[in-house]
């Protein structure tokens, strides 16, 4: 795969892999068991300058490209999928969205802290009655003098309660349908802003997922991101990049499962020889290796399109659809290769299996990804 990356990207990959193996992967199982936010892992990413890597240098970032970012998401997720999604949401859905759509004042106010990791970012759009149907959100924002007053409830929000800065969506003009949805930057600590109990999840247990509750939460007029009615445009743009990040997360999870399965197959002896010598196991490993490479290339292709400033809705959806489905399939295969050992928490593949499932759900379910791809390819034919 080295021929597809620049020298700078290869250096990023080498650096993040070393950091993950040294400081993040060894802690992953413990954080998962305790369902505890991985503060030590987050601090390691901050201390080594990865948290703001895609933000411009003027705000304290490194100004690196999207390909470098997804390389990092993959490598972090290979060690700890929960840390991977915290990192991905912070970068692509929060920090990058504020950079892309924020005013100069908003950028100056929020991006330096996001670039260093002093503050953690989140993205709040999903509601109890509005998951795949983003246009059905009911959280409201009404103007009162020089303030916006927000009321509503968001659910399944990554890092809710832990994060300091939220890109949040609310209806500012119900008469306009989806064109009446706007985006806001909401800071933790405001009166009227609270958080629900963290969800007790199947996987990515070290990533806090909870409700965001707004009860007459007052924001200054300049808290709006972009213009009134820009909410859906902002959300879809952010999600295009976010889906590339989740594809990378899925690749990282699958890579970890594959490596564990391969290592076990070489060591586990049955019928007088390592099980890696049996064709059934060889075929499973061959399928895993092939599909992981294919998913990685789809992900890099989508990231490259983003770096070139091309519209990449189809490419992002394809990458997420294929990579998430691949991760689920092959983490199951990894458990099968390990047999009874794979079903125990002593070995990591059961965690990889639990972590893989969510990649088929968040930031656009596989069913929605198919719809997105279908609409894009049909538009291509029509034009």
Protein backbone atom coordinates (compact mmCIF):
# COMPACT_ATOMS: atom_id res chain seq x y z
CA UNK A 1 0.00 0.00 0.00
CA UNK A 2 2.99 2.31 0.35
CA UNK A 3 2.90 3.27 -3.32
CA UNK A 4 -0.41 5.09 -2.75
CA UNK A 5 0.91 7.42 -0.04
CA UNK A 6 3.28 10.37 -0.04
CA UNK A 7 6.36 10.44 2.16
CA UNK A 8 4.56 12.77 4.58
CA UNK A 9 1.56 10.44 4.79
CA UNK A 10 3.82 7.45 5.37
CA UNK A 11 5.52 9.35 8.19
CA UNK A 12 2.14 10.12 9.75
CA UNK A 13 1.22 6.44 9.54
CA UNK A 14 4.47 5.33 11.12
CA UNK A 15 4.19 7.87 13.93
CA UNK A 16 0.58 7.22 14.87
CA UNK A 17 1.06 3.44 14.72
CA UNK A 18 3.96 3.61 17.15
CA UNK A 19 1.98 5.82 19.52
CA UNK A 20 -1.07 3.55 19.39
CA UNK A 21 0.93 0.40 20.05
CA UNK A 22 2.78 2.05 22.91
CA UNK A 23 0.09 4.06 24.70
CA UNK A 24 -3.42 3.34 23.38
CA UNK A 25 -3.84 -0.34 22.47
CA UNK A 26 -2.58 -1.65 25.83
CA UNK A 27 -5.31 0.30 27.64
CA UNK A 28 -8.20 -0.51 25.31
CA UNK A 29 -9.50 -3.67 26.98
CA UNK A 30 -9.51 -2.06 30.42
CA UNK A 31 -11.39 1.01 29.26
CA UNK A 32 -13.87 -1.25 27.48
CA UNK A 33 -14.52 -3.36 30.59
CA UNK A 34 -15.01 -0.28 32.76
CA UNK A 35 -16.95 1.67 30.10
CA UNK A 36 -14.70 4.57 31.06
CA UNK A 37 -13.76 7.53 28.87
CA UNK A 38 -10.15 6.94 27.69
CA UNK A 39 -8.60 10.07 29.12
CA UNK A 40 -5.03 8.72 29.06
CA UNK A 41 -5.37 7.78 25.39
CA UNK A 42 -6.87 11.18 24.56
CA UNK A 43 -4.03 12.91 26.41
CA UNK A 44 -1.46 10.91 24.45
CA UNK A 45 -3.03 12.06 21.17
CA UNK A 46 -3.05 15.66 22.40
CA UNK A 47 0.54 15.55 23.67
CA UNK A 48 1.79 14.31 20.29
CA UNK A 49 -0.11 16.88 18.23
CA UNK A 50 -2.63 14.59 16.52
CA UNK A 51 -5.86 16.08 17.84
CA UNK A 52 -5.82 19.18 15.64
CA UNK A 53 -3.87 17.72 12.76
CA UNK A 54 -6.33 18.76 10.03
CA UNK A 55 -6.81 22.34 11.23
CA UNK A 56 -4.68 25.17 9.78
CA UNK A 57 -1.49 26.13 11.54
CA UNK A 58 -2.87 29.60 12.33
CA UNK A 59 -5.25 27.94 14.80
CA UNK A 60 -2.66 25.60 16.29
CA UNK A 61 -3.20 22.65 13.94
CA UNK A 62 -0.86 20.93 11.53
CA UNK A 63 -2.73 21.64 8.31
CA UNK A 64 -2.58 18.01 7.16
CA UNK A 65 -4.86 16.48 4.55
CA UNK A 66 -7.88 14.20 4.80
CA UNK A 67 -5.90 11.14 3.75
CA UNK A 68 -3.58 11.68 6.72
CA UNK A 69 -6.58 12.07 9.01
CA UNK A 70 -8.20 8.80 7.94
CA UNK A 71 -4.86 7.02 8.29
CA UNK A 72 -4.86 8.16 11.91
CA UNK A 73 -8.49 7.14 12.47
CA UNK A 74 -7.69 3.67 11.13
CA UNK A 75 -4.58 3.22 13.25
CA UNK A 76 -6.23 4.54 16.43
CA UNK A 77 -9.26 2.30 15.85
CA UNK A 78 -6.96 -0.67 15.27
CA UNK A 79 -5.82 -0.15 18.86
CA UNK A 80 -9.03 1.17 20.43
CA UNK A 81 -12.18 1.74 18.38
CA UNK A 82 -13.76 3.89 21.09
CA UNK A 83 -10.83 6.32 21.05
CA UNK A 84 -11.04 6.22 17.25
CA UNK A 85 -14.60 7.50 17.12
CA UNK A 86 -13.97 10.18 19.76
CA UNK A 87 -11.05 11.40 17.64
CA UNK A 88 -13.06 11.17 14.39
CA UNK A 89 -16.10 13.11 15.65
CA UNK A 90 -13.90 15.75 17.26
CA UNK A 91 -12.04 16.33 14.01
CA UNK A 92 -14.43 15.82 11.10
CA UNK A 93 -17.85 16.62 12.55
CA UNK A 94 -16.98 19.39 14.99
CA UNK A 95 -13.64 21.13 14.37
CA UNK A 96 -13.65 20.87 10.59
CA UNK A 97 -17.29 21.99 10.41
CA UNK A 98 -16.58 25.10 12.47
CA UNK A 99 -13.56 25.81 10.30
CA UNK A 100 -15.55 25.38 7.07
CA UNK A 101 -18.71 27.27 8.02
CA UNK A 102 -17.77 29.41 11.00
CA UNK A 103 -17.23 33.15 11.03
CA UNK A 104 -13.72 34.51 11.65
CA UNK A 105 -14.75 35.25 15.24
CA UNK A 106 -16.04 31.71 15.75
CA UNK A 107 -12.91 30.19 14.31
CA UNK A 108 -10.69 32.30 16.54
CA UNK A 109 -12.79 31.49 19.59
CA UNK A 110 -13.14 27.73 19.23
CA UNK A 111 -10.49 26.27 16.95
CA UNK A 112 -7.34 26.89 19.05
CA UNK A 113 -8.79 24.90 21.96
CA UNK A 114 -10.05 22.17 19.64
CA UNK A 115 -6.68 21.99 17.88
CA UNK A 116 -4.83 21.28 21.12
CA UNK A 117 -7.50 19.06 22.65
CA UNK A 118 -7.97 21.38 25.61
CA UNK A 119 -11.62 21.13 24.60
CA UNK A 120 -13.36 18.16 23.02
CA UNK A 121 -15.84 18.54 20.18
CA UNK A 122 -19.16 16.82 19.49
CA UNK A 123 -21.92 16.82 16.87
CA UNK A 124 -25.56 16.77 17.92
CA UNK A 125 -28.22 16.12 15.30
CA UNK A 126 -29.94 12.77 16.07
CA UNK A 127 -33.18 12.86 18.06
CA UNK A 128 -35.54 10.17 19.41
CA UNK A 129 -37.84 10.77 16.41
CA UNK A 130 -35.19 11.77 13.88
CA UNK A 131 -32.38 9.36 13.09
CA UNK A 132 -32.06 8.56 9.40
CA UNK A 133 -34.76 11.18 8.74
CA UNK A 134 -32.69 14.23 9.68
CA UNK A 135 -35.40 16.55 8.38
CA UNK A 136 -37.73 15.37 11.16
CA UNK A 137 -35.81 17.04 14.00
CA UNK A 138 -38.01 19.01 16.40
CA UNK A 139 -35.45 20.76 18.60
CA UNK A 140 -36.41 24.41 18.26
CA UNK A 141 -34.52 27.70 18.33
CA UNK A 142 -36.53 30.89 18.64
CA UNK A 143 -35.11 34.39 18.51
CA UNK A 144 -35.61 36.63 21.54
CA UNK A 145 -33.87 39.96 21.13
CA UNK A 146 -30.14 39.32 20.79
CA UNK A 147 -30.42 35.68 21.87
CA UNK A 148 -31.54 32.29 20.59
CA UNK A 149 -33.57 30.14 22.97
CA UNK A 150 -33.22 26.41 22.34
CA UNK A 151 -35.51 23.60 23.50
CA UNK A 152 -35.33 19.93 22.63
CA UNK A 153 -33.52 16.66 23.13
CA UNK A 154 -30.75 15.00 21.16
CA UNK A 155 -29.90 11.33 21.60
CA UNK A 156 -27.00 8.95 20.91
CA UNK A 157 -24.51 11.82 20.92
CA UNK A 158 -20.85 10.78 21.00
CA UNK A 159 -18.95 12.37 23.92
CA UNK A 160 -22.12 14.01 25.30
CA UNK A 161 -21.37 15.46 28.71
CA UNK A 162 -17.64 15.03 28.22
CA UNK A 163 -17.33 17.30 25.19
CA UNK A 164 -17.05 21.05 25.62
CA UNK A 165 -18.18 22.30 22.20
CA UNK A 166 -21.21 21.00 20.28
CA UNK A 167 -22.22 21.62 16.68
CA UNK A 168 -25.97 21.34 17.20
CA UNK A 169 -28.96 21.57 14.87
CA UNK A 170 -32.37 23.11 15.56
CA UNK A 171 -35.44 24.35 13.70
CA UNK A 172 -35.47 28.13 13.39
CA UNK A 173 -38.39 28.39 10.91
CA UNK A 174 -40.88 25.48 10.98
CA UNK A 175 -42.74 26.86 7.95
CA UNK A 176 -39.76 26.12 5.67
CA UNK A 177 -39.35 22.41 6.34
CA UNK A 178 -35.74 21.29 6.02
CA UNK A 179 -34.80 24.78 4.83
CA UNK A 180 -35.81 26.04 8.24
CA UNK A 181 -33.11 24.05 10.06
CA UNK A 182 -30.05 25.94 11.28
CA UNK A 183 -26.76 25.04 12.97
CA UNK A 184 -25.37 26.43 16.22
CA UNK A 185 -22.22 26.18 18.30
CA UNK A 186 -23.21 25.34 21.87
CA UNK A 187 -20.78 25.40 24.77
CA UNK A 188 -20.92 23.11 27.78
CA UNK A 189 -21.84 24.89 30.99
CA UNK A 190 -24.63 27.07 29.63
CA UNK A 191 -27.76 27.31 31.78
CA UNK A 192 -30.48 25.07 30.37
CA UNK A 193 -28.00 22.59 28.87
CA UNK A 194 -27.82 19.17 30.52
CA UNK A 195 -27.01 15.59 29.65
CA UNK A 196 -28.69 12.24 30.06
CA UNK A 197 -27.32 9.07 31.58
CA UNK A 198 -24.62 7.46 29.41
CA UNK A 199 -25.91 4.54 27.38
CA UNK A 200 -24.81 1.03 28.39
CA UNK A 201 -23.67 -0.10 24.95
CA UNK A 202 -22.70 -3.34 23.22
CA UNK A 203 -19.48 -1.91 21.78
CA UNK A 204 -17.26 1.20 21.75
CA UNK A 205 -18.00 1.20 25.46
CA UNK A 206 -15.23 3.65 26.35
CA UNK A 207 -16.88 6.28 24.14
CA UNK A 208 -19.57 8.07 26.13
CA UNK A 209 -22.94 8.15 24.32
CA UNK A 210 -25.76 10.13 25.92
CA UNK A 211 -28.62 12.58 25.41
CA UNK A 212 -28.14 16.33 25.11
CA UNK A 213 -31.07 18.16 26.72
CA UNK A 214 -31.93 21.80 26.04
CA UNK A 215 -34.45 23.55 28.29
CA UNK A 216 -34.69 27.25 27.49
CA UNK A 217 -30.97 27.21 26.77
CA UNK A 218 -29.99 30.73 25.74
CA UNK A 219 -27.30 31.37 23.15
CA UNK A 220 -25.97 34.70 21.88
CA UNK A 221 -27.09 35.68 18.39
CA UNK A 222 -23.61 35.02 17.01
CA UNK A 223 -23.76 31.35 18.09
CA UNK A 224 -25.38 30.44 14.77
CA UNK A 225 -23.07 28.62 12.39
CA UNK A 226 -23.50 29.90 8.86
CA UNK A 227 -26.78 31.53 7.89
CA UNK A 228 -30.37 30.78 8.96
CA UNK A 229 -31.58 27.71 7.09
CA UNK A 230 -28.06 26.41 6.34
CA UNK A 231 -28.41 23.52 8.79
CA UNK A 232 -29.07 20.67 6.37
CA UNK A 233 -26.33 21.86 4.01
CA UNK A 234 -23.87 22.00 6.90
CA UNK A 235 -24.95 18.63 8.28
CA UNK A 236 -24.70 16.80 4.96
CA UNK A 237 -21.30 18.32 4.22
CA UNK A 238 -20.01 17.29 7.64
CA UNK A 239 -21.45 13.79 7.30
CA UNK A 240 -19.79 13.24 3.93
CA UNK A 241 -16.42 13.64 5.63
CA UNK A 242 -17.58 11.87 8.79
CA UNK A 243 -18.56 8.79 6.80
CA UNK A 244 -15.04 8.55 5.42
CA UNK A 245 -13.83 8.61 9.01
CA UNK A 246 -16.19 5.81 10.04
CA UNK A 247 -15.06 3.77 7.03
CA UNK A 248 -11.50 4.18 8.32
CA UNK A 249 -12.63 3.14 11.79
CA UNK A 250 -14.18 -0.03 10.33
CA UNK A 251 -10.96 -0.80 8.46
CA UNK A 252 -8.95 -0.39 11.66
CA UNK A 253 -11.25 -2.71 13.62
CA UNK A 254 -11.13 -5.35 10.88
CA UNK A 255 -7.34 -5.06 10.61
CA UNK A 256 -6.97 -5.71 14.33
CA UNK A 257 -9.26 -8.73 14.15
CA UNK A 258 -7.42 -10.10 11.13
CA UNK A 259 -4.03 -9.76 12.80
CA UNK A 260 -5.29 -11.54 15.92
CA UNK A 261 -6.83 -14.34 13.86
CA UNK A 262 -3.72 -14.79 11.72
CA UNK A 263 -1.46 -14.92 14.75
CA UNK A 264 -3.69 -17.48 16.45
CA UNK A 265 -3.91 -19.63 13.31
CA UNK A 266 -0.13 -19.83 13.13
CA UNK A 267 0.18 -20.88 16.78
CA UNK A 268 -2.87 -23.06 17.39
CA UNK A 269 -2.13 -26.74 16.74
CA UNK A 270 -4.84 -29.27 15.93
CA UNK A 271 -4.48 -32.71 14.34
CA UNK A 272 -0.73 -32.35 14.68
CA UNK A 273 -0.20 -29.11 12.79
CA UNK A 274 -1.01 -25.35 12.97
CA UNK A 275 -4.55 -24.64 11.87
CA UNK A 276 -3.11 -22.09 9.42
CA UNK A 277 -2.16 -25.06 7.28
CA UNK A 278 -5.79 -26.04 6.77
CA UNK A 279 -7.45 -24.75 3.62
CA UNK A 280 -10.64 -23.67 5.39
CA UNK A 281 -8.65 -21.32 7.62
CA UNK A 282 -6.47 -20.13 4.75
CA UNK A 283 -9.50 -19.15 2.71
CA UNK A 284 -10.98 -17.20 5.61
CA UNK A 285 -7.73 -15.30 6.12
CA UNK A 286 -7.38 -14.67 2.37
CA UNK A 287 -10.89 -13.19 2.22
CA UNK A 288 -10.17 -11.03 5.25
CA UNK A 289 -6.92 -9.66 3.84
CA UNK A 290 -8.45 -8.99 0.41
CA UNK A 291 -11.55 -7.23 1.71
CA UNK A 292 -9.57 -5.10 4.15
CA UNK A 293 -7.31 -3.88 1.35
CA UNK A 294 -10.34 -3.12 -0.83
CA UNK A 295 -12.06 -1.19 1.96
CA UNK A 296 -8.89 0.75 2.72
CA UNK A 297 -8.51 1.79 -0.91
CA UNK A 298 -12.16 2.89 -1.12
CA UNK A 299 -11.60 4.96 2.01
CA UNK A 300 -8.41 6.57 0.72
CA UNK A 301 -10.13 7.27 -2.60
CA UNK A 302 -12.95 9.13 -0.85
CA UNK A 303 -10.46 11.03 1.31
CA UNK A 304 -8.43 11.97 -1.76
CA UNK A 305 -11.57 13.30 -3.46
CA UNK A 306 -12.21 15.45 -0.38
CA UNK A 307 -8.63 16.76 -0.49
CA UNK A 308 -9.09 17.72 -4.14
CA UNK A 309 -12.22 19.70 -3.30
CA UNK A 310 -14.41 17.34 -5.30
CA UNK A 311 -17.93 16.46 -4.28
CA UNK A 312 -17.54 13.07 -2.61
CA UNK A 313 -21.00 12.10 -1.37
CA UNK A 314 -21.04 8.88 -3.42
CA UNK A 315 -17.44 7.96 -2.64
CA UNK A 316 -17.93 8.49 1.10
CA UNK A 317 -21.13 6.43 1.14
CA UNK A 318 -19.52 3.62 -0.86
CA UNK A 319 -16.53 3.51 1.47
CA UNK A 320 -18.65 3.44 4.61
CA UNK A 321 -21.09 0.87 3.22
CA UNK A 322 -18.38 -1.54 2.10
CA UNK A 323 -16.00 -1.04 5.03
CA UNK A 324 -18.62 -1.41 7.75
CA UNK A 325 -20.15 -4.49 6.17
CA UNK A 326 -16.65 -5.94 5.72
CA UNK A 327 -15.71 -5.25 9.35
CA UNK A 328 -18.80 -6.99 10.65
CA UNK A 329 -18.27 -10.02 8.41
CA UNK A 330 -14.63 -10.50 9.24
CA UNK A 331 -14.75 -9.85 12.97
CA UNK A 332 -17.26 -12.73 13.05
CA UNK A 333 -14.77 -14.79 11.04
CA UNK A 334 -11.99 -13.90 13.49
CA UNK A 335 -14.05 -15.19 16.40
CA UNK A 336 -14.68 -18.38 14.43
CA UNK A 337 -10.96 -18.90 13.79
CA UNK A 338 -10.20 -18.54 17.49
CA UNK A 339 -13.08 -20.88 18.35
CA UNK A 340 -13.95 -20.98 22.05
CA UNK A 341 -11.08 -18.63 22.85
CA UNK A 342 -12.59 -16.02 20.55
CA UNK A 343 -15.78 -16.04 22.59
CA UNK A 344 -13.97 -15.06 25.78
CA UNK A 345 -12.86 -11.64 26.95
CA UNK A 346 -9.34 -12.90 27.45
CA UNK A 347 -8.82 -12.43 23.71
CA UNK A 348 -9.51 -9.16 21.83
CA UNK A 349 -11.58 -10.44 18.91
CA UNK A 350 -14.85 -10.45 20.84
CA UNK A 351 -14.32 -6.73 21.50
CA UNK A 352 -13.58 -6.13 17.84
CA UNK A 353 -16.82 -7.92 16.93
CA UNK A 354 -18.83 -5.78 19.36
CA UNK A 355 -17.13 -2.61 18.14
CA UNK A 356 -17.67 -3.41 14.46
CA UNK A 357 -21.47 -3.47 14.58
CA UNK A 358 -21.91 0.24 15.26
CA UNK A 359 -20.07 1.16 12.06
CA UNK A 360 -23.09 -0.15 10.15
CA UNK A 361 -25.37 2.20 12.12
CA UNK A 362 -23.97 5.59 13.07
CA UNK A 363 -23.30 8.51 10.71
CA UNK A 364 -25.72 6.87 8.28
CA UNK A 365 -26.98 3.28 8.40
CA UNK A 366 -26.01 0.82 5.68
CA UNK A 367 -29.55 1.10 4.33
CA UNK A 368 -29.23 4.87 4.00
CA UNK A 369 -25.77 4.46 2.43
CA UNK A 370 -27.32 2.27 -0.26
CA UNK A 371 -29.95 4.93 -0.93
CA UNK A 372 -27.27 7.62 -1.18
CA UNK A 373 -25.18 5.56 -3.60
CA UNK A 374 -28.22 4.64 -5.69
CA UNK A 375 -29.36 8.26 -6.00
CA UNK A 376 -25.90 9.41 -7.00
CA UNK A 377 -25.35 6.76 -9.68
CA UNK A 378 -28.83 7.34 -11.11
CA UNK A 379 -28.12 11.07 -11.30
CA UNK A 380 -24.95 10.28 -13.24
CA UNK A 381 -26.96 8.32 -15.81
CA UNK A 382 -29.61 11.04 -16.08
CA UNK A 383 -27.00 13.73 -16.72
